[in-house]
């Protein structure tokens, strides 16, 4: 009997070593990893520059708490704000904590309580972020959620206009819904979110926990859409596997998060910011990002062409190197078939195969993945028709 709570449905794979885009299992099998720790290992596993930064910090200081000055926090925060519309940063440990901070800040700054989010969204598993999440499976069984969280249809401008008024503290939106099926937001929809927030004095929050730190070929995914959020939340790819999250806000919000208002014992830990600092030095390079964007377009097109004749495939969609293959049936039984062929992928909802390769992936590896996916889905297609 396991000594762990059974909170995860784990793949039957024990990883012994990892490097770059590859995972080596205990049984000797090698896998091409297009899970990347769920969009965490954006630079692949054990990137040398990030590993060196962590090792250097290990030999200096591990933890002092935020009662003391941590110069590397300032350095890392400035690098983040130089590449987005924000000015000030709060460091924490996860995406859920970043979103929790954002929701607290929005309510405190506006003096309002109503929060608008969207169906099929995912924002975390704390009580506030569960309340913000538009998927019942996340919060069923936990009793009453926090009040005044409204879930509207995603990309529905008319529904948003009807709900918006002077009682709304914030609209929180994912630029690409990750857990909800890899569904990109529409340009007109995001523009309307921004316009309504300005019109009614609400704050515009973009949840970039999965899409941020280069995943879509820009530092942050909202930058594809010519909008300017008031608050940006990030985590996952920020630390290349070392736990860290952050909330980035515009300068006018700084006075609402003064001493004693919010905090975190481990947030901005020296080891975590060392990992983040090294990560963003690489990811935010313009040539690196251009390469990610090109590979994302190449991968999406290659998949679209390769799977065009596979009947169970409904659509290939996504942005950058965040791709979803929407299928006409549940994918739970399809994933193991893909894994058997040496490619690790995951789902996004019941009918979508989610592909999150490291941003360092090569075109040769993308081609390998396309071939494996074509063979696997074609085989499943034949079975489903028999």
Protein backbone atom coordinates (compact mmCIF):
# COMPACT_ATOMS: atom_id res chain seq x y z
CA UNK A 1 0.00 0.00 0.00
CA UNK A 2 1.32 3.42 -0.96
CA UNK A 3 2.16 5.98 1.72
CA UNK A 4 0.99 8.73 -0.66
CA UNK A 5 -2.50 10.15 -1.01
CA UNK A 6 -3.91 8.82 -4.32
CA UNK A 7 -4.37 12.33 -5.77
CA UNK A 8 -2.73 11.59 -9.12
CA UNK A 9 -3.42 9.14 -11.92
CA UNK A 10 0.19 8.47 -12.80
CA UNK A 11 1.61 7.03 -16.00
CA UNK A 12 3.28 3.63 -15.38
CA UNK A 13 6.73 5.09 -16.09
CA UNK A 14 9.52 5.59 -13.56
CA UNK A 15 11.94 8.26 -14.76
CA UNK A 16 15.54 7.64 -13.75
CA UNK A 17 17.38 10.33 -15.72
CA UNK A 18 16.52 13.35 -17.83
CA UNK A 19 18.49 15.55 -20.17
CA UNK A 20 17.36 18.00 -22.82
CA UNK A 21 14.26 16.68 -24.57
CA UNK A 22 14.78 13.08 -23.43
CA UNK A 23 13.66 11.06 -20.43
CA UNK A 24 15.25 7.72 -19.55
CA UNK A 25 13.02 5.30 -17.67
CA UNK A 26 14.16 2.83 -15.05
CA UNK A 27 13.43 -0.06 -17.42
CA UNK A 28 15.91 1.40 -19.95
CA UNK A 29 13.36 2.83 -22.38
CA UNK A 30 14.06 6.32 -23.75
CA UNK A 31 11.27 8.80 -24.40
CA UNK A 32 10.97 12.03 -26.34
CA UNK A 33 9.33 14.28 -23.77
CA UNK A 34 6.49 16.47 -25.09
CA UNK A 35 5.03 16.92 -21.62
CA UNK A 36 8.01 18.90 -20.27
CA UNK A 37 6.73 18.70 -16.70
CA UNK A 38 3.42 20.22 -17.93
CA UNK A 39 4.99 23.20 -19.72
CA UNK A 40 7.58 23.65 -16.98
CA UNK A 41 10.88 22.51 -18.52
CA UNK A 42 10.82 25.08 -21.32
CA UNK A 43 14.60 24.78 -21.72
CA UNK A 44 14.49 21.02 -21.54
CA UNK A 45 15.71 18.99 -18.60
CA UNK A 46 18.75 20.12 -16.63
CA UNK A 47 19.74 22.99 -18.91
CA UNK A 48 23.47 23.61 -18.18
CA UNK A 49 23.13 27.37 -17.59
CA UNK A 50 20.22 26.96 -15.18
CA UNK A 51 21.89 24.07 -13.38
CA UNK A 52 25.08 26.13 -12.97
CA UNK A 53 23.11 29.08 -11.55
CA UNK A 54 21.40 26.84 -8.99
CA UNK A 55 24.68 25.14 -8.04
CA UNK A 56 26.37 28.53 -7.58
CA UNK A 57 23.54 29.71 -5.35
CA UNK A 58 23.62 26.45 -3.39
CA UNK A 59 27.14 27.33 -2.32
CA UNK A 60 26.13 30.81 -1.13
CA UNK A 61 22.76 30.90 0.65
CA UNK A 62 19.59 28.82 0.35
CA UNK A 63 17.01 30.76 2.33
CA UNK A 64 16.76 33.89 4.46
CA UNK A 65 13.03 34.82 4.08
CA UNK A 66 11.65 38.07 2.76
CA UNK A 67 12.53 39.87 5.98
CA UNK A 68 15.90 40.51 4.31
CA UNK A 69 17.08 42.17 1.11
CA UNK A 70 17.50 39.67 -1.75
CA UNK A 71 19.30 41.48 -4.60
CA UNK A 72 18.69 38.66 -7.09
CA UNK A 73 14.93 39.18 -6.66
CA UNK A 74 15.35 42.79 -7.81
CA UNK A 75 17.50 41.75 -10.76
CA UNK A 76 15.06 39.06 -11.87
CA UNK A 77 12.02 41.30 -11.40
CA UNK A 78 13.57 44.01 -13.58
CA UNK A 79 14.24 41.50 -16.36
CA UNK A 80 10.61 40.38 -16.23
CA UNK A 81 9.19 43.90 -16.30
CA UNK A 82 11.48 44.90 -19.17
CA UNK A 83 9.73 42.31 -21.33
CA UNK A 84 6.08 43.00 -20.48
CA UNK A 85 3.61 45.75 -19.60
CA UNK A 86 4.12 45.38 -15.85
CA UNK A 87 6.32 47.38 -13.48
CA UNK A 88 6.37 45.54 -10.14
CA UNK A 89 6.65 41.87 -9.21
CA UNK A 90 5.54 39.68 -6.32
CA UNK A 91 7.34 36.31 -6.16
CA UNK A 92 5.63 33.18 -4.87
CA UNK A 93 5.91 29.42 -5.34
CA UNK A 94 3.33 28.33 -7.91
CA UNK A 95 0.74 29.36 -10.46
CA UNK A 96 -2.09 28.95 -7.99
CA UNK A 97 -0.32 31.29 -5.56
CA UNK A 98 0.30 33.83 -8.32
CA UNK A 99 -3.40 33.78 -9.24
CA UNK A 100 -4.40 33.95 -5.57
CA UNK A 101 -2.25 37.07 -5.19
CA UNK A 102 -3.77 38.59 -8.33
CA UNK A 103 -7.32 38.03 -7.12
CA UNK A 104 -6.53 39.50 -3.70
CA UNK A 105 -4.88 42.52 -5.29
CA UNK A 106 -7.81 43.10 -7.66
CA UNK A 107 -10.35 43.03 -4.85
CA UNK A 108 -8.27 45.20 -2.54
CA UNK A 109 -7.40 47.81 -5.16
CA UNK A 110 -10.91 48.18 -6.55
CA UNK A 111 -12.85 47.69 -3.32
CA UNK A 112 -15.11 45.34 -5.27
CA UNK A 113 -15.72 41.60 -5.04
CA UNK A 114 -17.17 40.35 -8.34
CA UNK A 115 -14.79 38.33 -10.51
CA UNK A 116 -15.49 37.25 -14.09
CA UNK A 117 -13.70 34.19 -15.50
CA UNK A 118 -14.63 31.72 -18.22
CA UNK A 119 -15.97 28.21 -18.67
CA UNK A 120 -13.35 25.49 -19.11
CA UNK A 121 -10.71 27.78 -17.59
CA UNK A 122 -8.22 26.53 -15.03
CA UNK A 123 -6.61 28.85 -12.49
CA UNK A 124 -5.56 26.59 -9.61
CA UNK A 125 -6.72 24.48 -6.68
CA UNK A 126 -6.83 26.86 -3.72
CA UNK A 127 -10.32 28.00 -2.72
CA UNK A 128 -10.05 31.31 -4.57
CA UNK A 129 -8.52 29.81 -7.68
CA UNK A 130 -10.98 26.88 -7.64
CA UNK A 131 -13.75 29.47 -7.48
CA UNK A 132 -12.20 31.18 -10.49
CA UNK A 133 -11.88 27.92 -12.43
CA UNK A 134 -14.67 27.19 -14.90
CA UNK A 135 -14.62 23.38 -14.57
CA UNK A 136 -16.93 21.69 -12.09
CA UNK A 137 -14.69 18.62 -11.76
CA UNK A 138 -12.10 20.79 -10.02
CA UNK A 139 -14.36 21.96 -7.20
CA UNK A 140 -17.04 19.29 -6.81
CA UNK A 141 -17.19 17.92 -3.27
CA UNK A 142 -15.50 20.84 -1.52
CA UNK A 143 -18.62 22.66 -0.40
CA UNK A 144 -19.48 26.29 -1.14
CA UNK A 145 -17.02 28.22 -3.25
CA UNK A 146 -16.16 31.87 -2.69
CA UNK A 147 -18.97 34.20 -3.58
CA UNK A 148 -19.25 36.44 -6.64
CA UNK A 149 -17.23 34.40 -9.11
CA UNK A 150 -19.00 34.33 -12.48
CA UNK A 151 -18.09 31.87 -15.27
CA UNK A 152 -19.02 33.00 -18.78
CA UNK A 153 -18.63 31.28 -22.15
CA UNK A 154 -15.10 31.71 -23.51
CA UNK A 155 -14.68 34.01 -26.54
CA UNK A 156 -18.31 35.21 -26.15
CA UNK A 157 -18.26 39.00 -26.39
CA UNK A 158 -22.05 39.36 -26.07
CA UNK A 159 -22.22 37.39 -22.80
CA UNK A 160 -19.36 39.46 -21.39
CA UNK A 161 -21.00 42.76 -22.29
CA UNK A 162 -24.25 41.69 -20.60
CA UNK A 163 -22.49 40.70 -17.35
CA UNK A 164 -20.11 43.66 -17.05
CA UNK A 165 -20.94 46.52 -14.69
CA UNK A 166 -19.46 48.76 -11.96
CA UNK A 167 -19.44 45.92 -9.40
CA UNK A 168 -16.80 43.88 -11.25
CA UNK A 169 -13.34 43.90 -9.65
CA UNK A 170 -11.57 41.99 -12.42
CA UNK A 171 -11.82 39.87 -15.52
CA UNK A 172 -9.32 36.99 -15.42
CA UNK A 173 -8.59 35.19 -18.68
CA UNK A 174 -6.18 32.65 -20.12
CA UNK A 175 -4.80 33.70 -23.51
CA UNK A 176 -4.87 30.02 -24.45
CA UNK A 177 -7.00 27.76 -22.27
CA UNK A 178 -4.60 24.94 -21.38
CA UNK A 179 -6.40 22.42 -19.19
CA UNK A 180 -9.61 23.42 -20.96
CA UNK A 181 -8.52 21.97 -24.32
CA UNK A 182 -5.76 24.21 -25.77
CA UNK A 183 -8.27 26.81 -26.99
CA UNK A 184 -6.79 30.19 -28.04
CA UNK A 185 -8.61 33.42 -27.25
CA UNK A 186 -9.81 35.50 -30.17
CA UNK A 187 -8.38 38.94 -30.89
CA UNK A 188 -11.76 40.69 -30.71
CA UNK A 189 -12.56 38.94 -27.44
CA UNK A 190 -9.36 40.04 -25.68
CA UNK A 191 -9.77 43.57 -27.02
CA UNK A 192 -13.29 43.66 -25.58
CA UNK A 193 -12.05 42.38 -22.20
CA UNK A 194 -9.50 45.20 -22.07
CA UNK A 195 -12.00 47.85 -23.22
CA UNK A 196 -14.67 46.83 -20.71
CA UNK A 197 -12.16 46.79 -17.84
CA UNK A 198 -11.15 50.34 -18.72
CA UNK A 199 -14.76 51.46 -19.14
CA UNK A 200 -15.89 50.12 -15.76
CA UNK A 201 -12.72 50.58 -13.71
CA UNK A 202 -12.02 46.86 -13.33
CA UNK A 203 -8.61 45.20 -13.57
CA UNK A 204 -7.59 43.05 -16.53
CA UNK A 205 -5.73 39.90 -15.40
CA UNK A 206 -4.09 37.48 -17.84
CA UNK A 207 -3.23 34.06 -16.45
CA UNK A 208 0.03 33.21 -18.24
CA UNK A 209 0.97 30.34 -15.94
CA UNK A 210 1.11 27.88 -18.84
CA UNK A 211 1.54 30.26 -21.79
CA UNK A 212 4.20 32.58 -20.39
CA UNK A 213 8.01 32.48 -20.55
CA UNK A 214 8.30 31.91 -24.28
CA UNK A 215 5.87 29.03 -24.70
CA UNK A 216 4.07 30.73 -27.62
CA UNK A 217 7.06 32.43 -29.24
CA UNK A 218 6.67 35.72 -27.33
CA UNK A 219 7.80 36.41 -23.76
CA UNK A 220 4.08 36.37 -22.86
CA UNK A 221 1.21 35.10 -25.00
CA UNK A 222 -0.92 38.25 -24.66
CA UNK A 223 1.74 40.03 -26.74
CA UNK A 224 0.36 38.30 -29.85
CA UNK A 225 -2.88 40.25 -29.42
CA UNK A 226 -1.97 43.93 -28.91
CA UNK A 227 -3.58 44.23 -25.48
CA UNK A 228 -2.11 45.51 -22.22
CA UNK A 229 -3.19 43.69 -19.03
CA UNK A 230 -2.98 45.28 -15.59
CA UNK A 231 -1.79 42.04 -13.96
CA UNK A 232 0.10 39.06 -15.40
CA UNK A 233 0.53 35.78 -13.53
CA UNK A 234 3.30 33.31 -14.33
CA UNK A 235 4.89 30.14 -12.94
CA UNK A 236 5.60 26.80 -14.70
CA UNK A 237 8.32 27.73 -17.23
CA UNK A 238 9.79 30.48 -15.05
CA UNK A 239 12.15 28.26 -13.07
CA UNK A 240 12.91 25.45 -15.55
CA UNK A 241 11.60 22.92 -13.02
CA UNK A 242 12.53 24.74 -9.81
CA UNK A 243 9.26 25.82 -8.10
CA UNK A 244 8.59 29.54 -8.52
CA UNK A 245 5.69 31.76 -9.51
CA UNK A 246 5.17 35.48 -9.87
CA UNK A 247 2.51 38.15 -10.17
CA UNK A 248 3.46 41.15 -12.29
CA UNK A 249 1.44 44.36 -12.00
CA UNK A 250 1.44 47.90 -13.28
CA UNK A 251 2.90 50.63 -11.10
CA UNK A 252 -0.45 52.13 -10.06
CA UNK A 253 -1.19 48.90 -8.17
CA UNK A 254 1.92 48.96 -5.99
CA UNK A 255 0.38 51.01 -3.18
CA UNK A 256 -2.41 48.43 -2.73
CA UNK A 257 0.08 45.69 -1.85
CA UNK A 258 2.09 47.33 0.91
CA UNK A 259 3.86 45.80 3.93
CA UNK A 260 1.80 43.16 5.73
CA UNK A 261 -0.92 42.93 3.09
CA UNK A 262 0.36 39.74 1.46
CA UNK A 263 3.39 37.51 1.76
CA UNK A 264 5.10 34.17 1.29
CA UNK A 265 7.73 32.45 3.40
CA UNK A 266 9.42 30.79 0.44
CA UNK A 267 8.40 33.19 -2.33
CA UNK A 268 11.45 34.53 -4.17
CA UNK A 269 13.73 32.07 -2.40
CA UNK A 270 17.35 32.66 -3.57
CA UNK A 271 17.54 29.22 -5.20
CA UNK A 272 14.28 29.78 -7.06
CA UNK A 273 15.17 33.23 -8.37
CA UNK A 274 18.61 31.97 -9.40
CA UNK A 275 16.84 29.41 -11.60
CA UNK A 276 14.39 32.00 -12.92
CA UNK A 277 17.08 34.58 -13.61
CA UNK A 278 19.12 32.12 -15.68
CA UNK A 279 16.01 30.85 -17.48
CA UNK A 280 14.76 34.23 -18.68
CA UNK A 281 18.23 35.27 -19.83
CA UNK A 282 17.98 32.49 -22.40
CA UNK A 283 14.27 32.46 -23.21
CA UNK A 284 13.83 36.21 -23.65
CA UNK A 285 16.55 36.43 -26.28
CA UNK A 286 14.89 37.65 -29.50
CA UNK A 287 16.57 35.03 -31.67
CA UNK A 288 15.50 32.25 -29.31
CA UNK A 289 11.89 33.45 -29.35
CA UNK A 290 11.85 33.83 -33.13
CA UNK A 291 13.02 30.23 -33.39
CA UNK A 292 10.24 29.07 -31.04
CA UNK A 293 7.62 30.89 -33.09
CA UNK A 294 8.91 29.38 -36.33
CA UNK A 295 9.03 25.87 -34.85
CA UNK A 296 5.51 26.28 -33.51
CA UNK A 297 4.15 27.23 -36.93
CA UNK A 298 6.09 24.38 -38.56
CA UNK A 299 4.85 21.81 -36.03
CA UNK A 300 1.22 22.86 -36.27
CA UNK A 301 1.29 22.78 -40.07
CA UNK A 302 3.08 19.42 -40.17
CA UNK A 303 0.53 17.90 -37.78
CA UNK A 304 -2.40 19.36 -39.72
CA UNK A 305 -1.13 17.82 -42.95
CA UNK A 306 -0.13 14.46 -41.44
CA UNK A 307 -3.45 13.96 -39.63
CA UNK A 308 -5.76 15.31 -42.33
CA UNK A 309 -6.96 11.84 -43.31
CA UNK A 310 -7.29 10.46 -39.77
CA UNK A 311 -11.03 10.41 -39.11
CA UNK A 312 -10.88 10.55 -35.32
CA UNK A 313 -8.95 13.85 -35.48
CA UNK A 314 -11.26 16.86 -35.44
CA UNK A 315 -8.78 19.75 -35.34
CA UNK A 316 -5.18 20.76 -34.66
CA UNK A 317 -5.00 24.07 -32.79
CA UNK A 318 -2.78 26.10 -30.53
CA UNK A 319 -0.20 28.86 -30.41
CA UNK A 320 3.57 28.51 -30.60
CA UNK A 321 4.74 25.25 -29.02
CA UNK A 322 1.45 24.73 -27.18
CA UNK A 323 -0.55 22.48 -29.48
CA UNK A 324 -3.75 20.50 -29.05
CA UNK A 325 -5.05 17.67 -31.21
CA UNK A 326 -8.81 17.67 -30.70
CA UNK A 327 -10.28 14.21 -31.27
CA UNK A 328 -13.81 12.96 -31.83
CA UNK A 329 -13.51 10.51 -28.94
CA UNK A 330 -11.87 10.31 -25.53
CA UNK A 331 -8.07 10.16 -25.64
CA UNK A 332 -7.45 8.32 -22.34
CA UNK A 333 -6.88 5.03 -24.18
CA UNK A 334 -4.91 6.69 -26.96
CA UNK A 335 -2.17 8.22 -24.79
CA UNK A 336 -0.64 4.86 -23.76
CA UNK A 337 -0.37 3.87 -27.43
CA UNK A 338 1.61 7.04 -28.12
CA UNK A 339 3.81 6.46 -25.09
CA UNK A 340 4.56 2.92 -26.24
CA UNK A 341 6.07 4.39 -29.40
CA UNK A 342 8.43 6.56 -27.32
CA UNK A 343 6.65 9.92 -27.27
CA UNK A 344 5.29 11.37 -24.02
CA UNK A 345 2.17 13.53 -24.34
CA UNK A 346 -0.76 14.36 -22.07
CA UNK A 347 -4.41 15.30 -22.34
CA UNK A 348 -6.26 18.60 -22.03
CA UNK A 349 -9.77 17.64 -21.13
CA UNK A 350 -11.31 14.34 -22.27
CA UNK A 351 -10.86 14.69 -26.04
CA UNK A 352 -7.65 16.64 -26.62
CA UNK A 353 -4.04 15.45 -26.86
CA UNK A 354 -1.80 18.22 -25.52
CA UNK A 355 1.72 18.72 -26.87
CA UNK A 356 4.17 20.82 -24.85
CA UNK A 357 7.68 20.12 -26.13
CA UNK A 358 10.67 21.89 -24.61
CA UNK A 359 11.31 25.13 -26.50
CA UNK A 360 14.75 23.76 -27.33
CA UNK A 361 13.24 20.93 -29.40
CA UNK A 362 14.74 20.42 -32.86
CA UNK A 363 12.83 20.14 -36.14
CA UNK A 364 14.08 16.57 -36.42
CA UNK A 365 12.46 15.78 -33.08
CA UNK A 366 9.26 17.51 -34.16
CA UNK A 367 9.23 15.37 -37.29
CA UNK A 368 9.71 12.25 -35.16
CA UNK A 369 6.77 13.29 -33.01
CA UNK A 370 4.57 13.91 -36.05
CA UNK A 371 5.34 10.43 -37.38
CA UNK A 372 4.62 8.76 -34.03
CA UNK A 373 1.36 10.65 -33.63
CA UNK A 374 0.28 9.80 -37.17
CA UNK A 375 1.00 6.09 -36.66
CA UNK A 376 -0.66 6.00 -33.24
CA UNK A 377 -3.81 7.87 -34.22
CA UNK A 378 -4.15 5.99 -37.50
CA UNK A 379 -3.95 2.69 -35.58
CA UNK A 380 -6.58 3.92 -33.11
CA UNK A 381 -8.68 5.09 -36.03
CA UNK A 382 -8.68 1.58 -37.52
CA UNK A 383 -9.64 0.05 -34.16
CA UNK A 384 -12.50 2.52 -33.64
CA UNK A 385 -13.91 1.69 -37.08
CA UNK A 386 -13.69 -2.08 -36.64
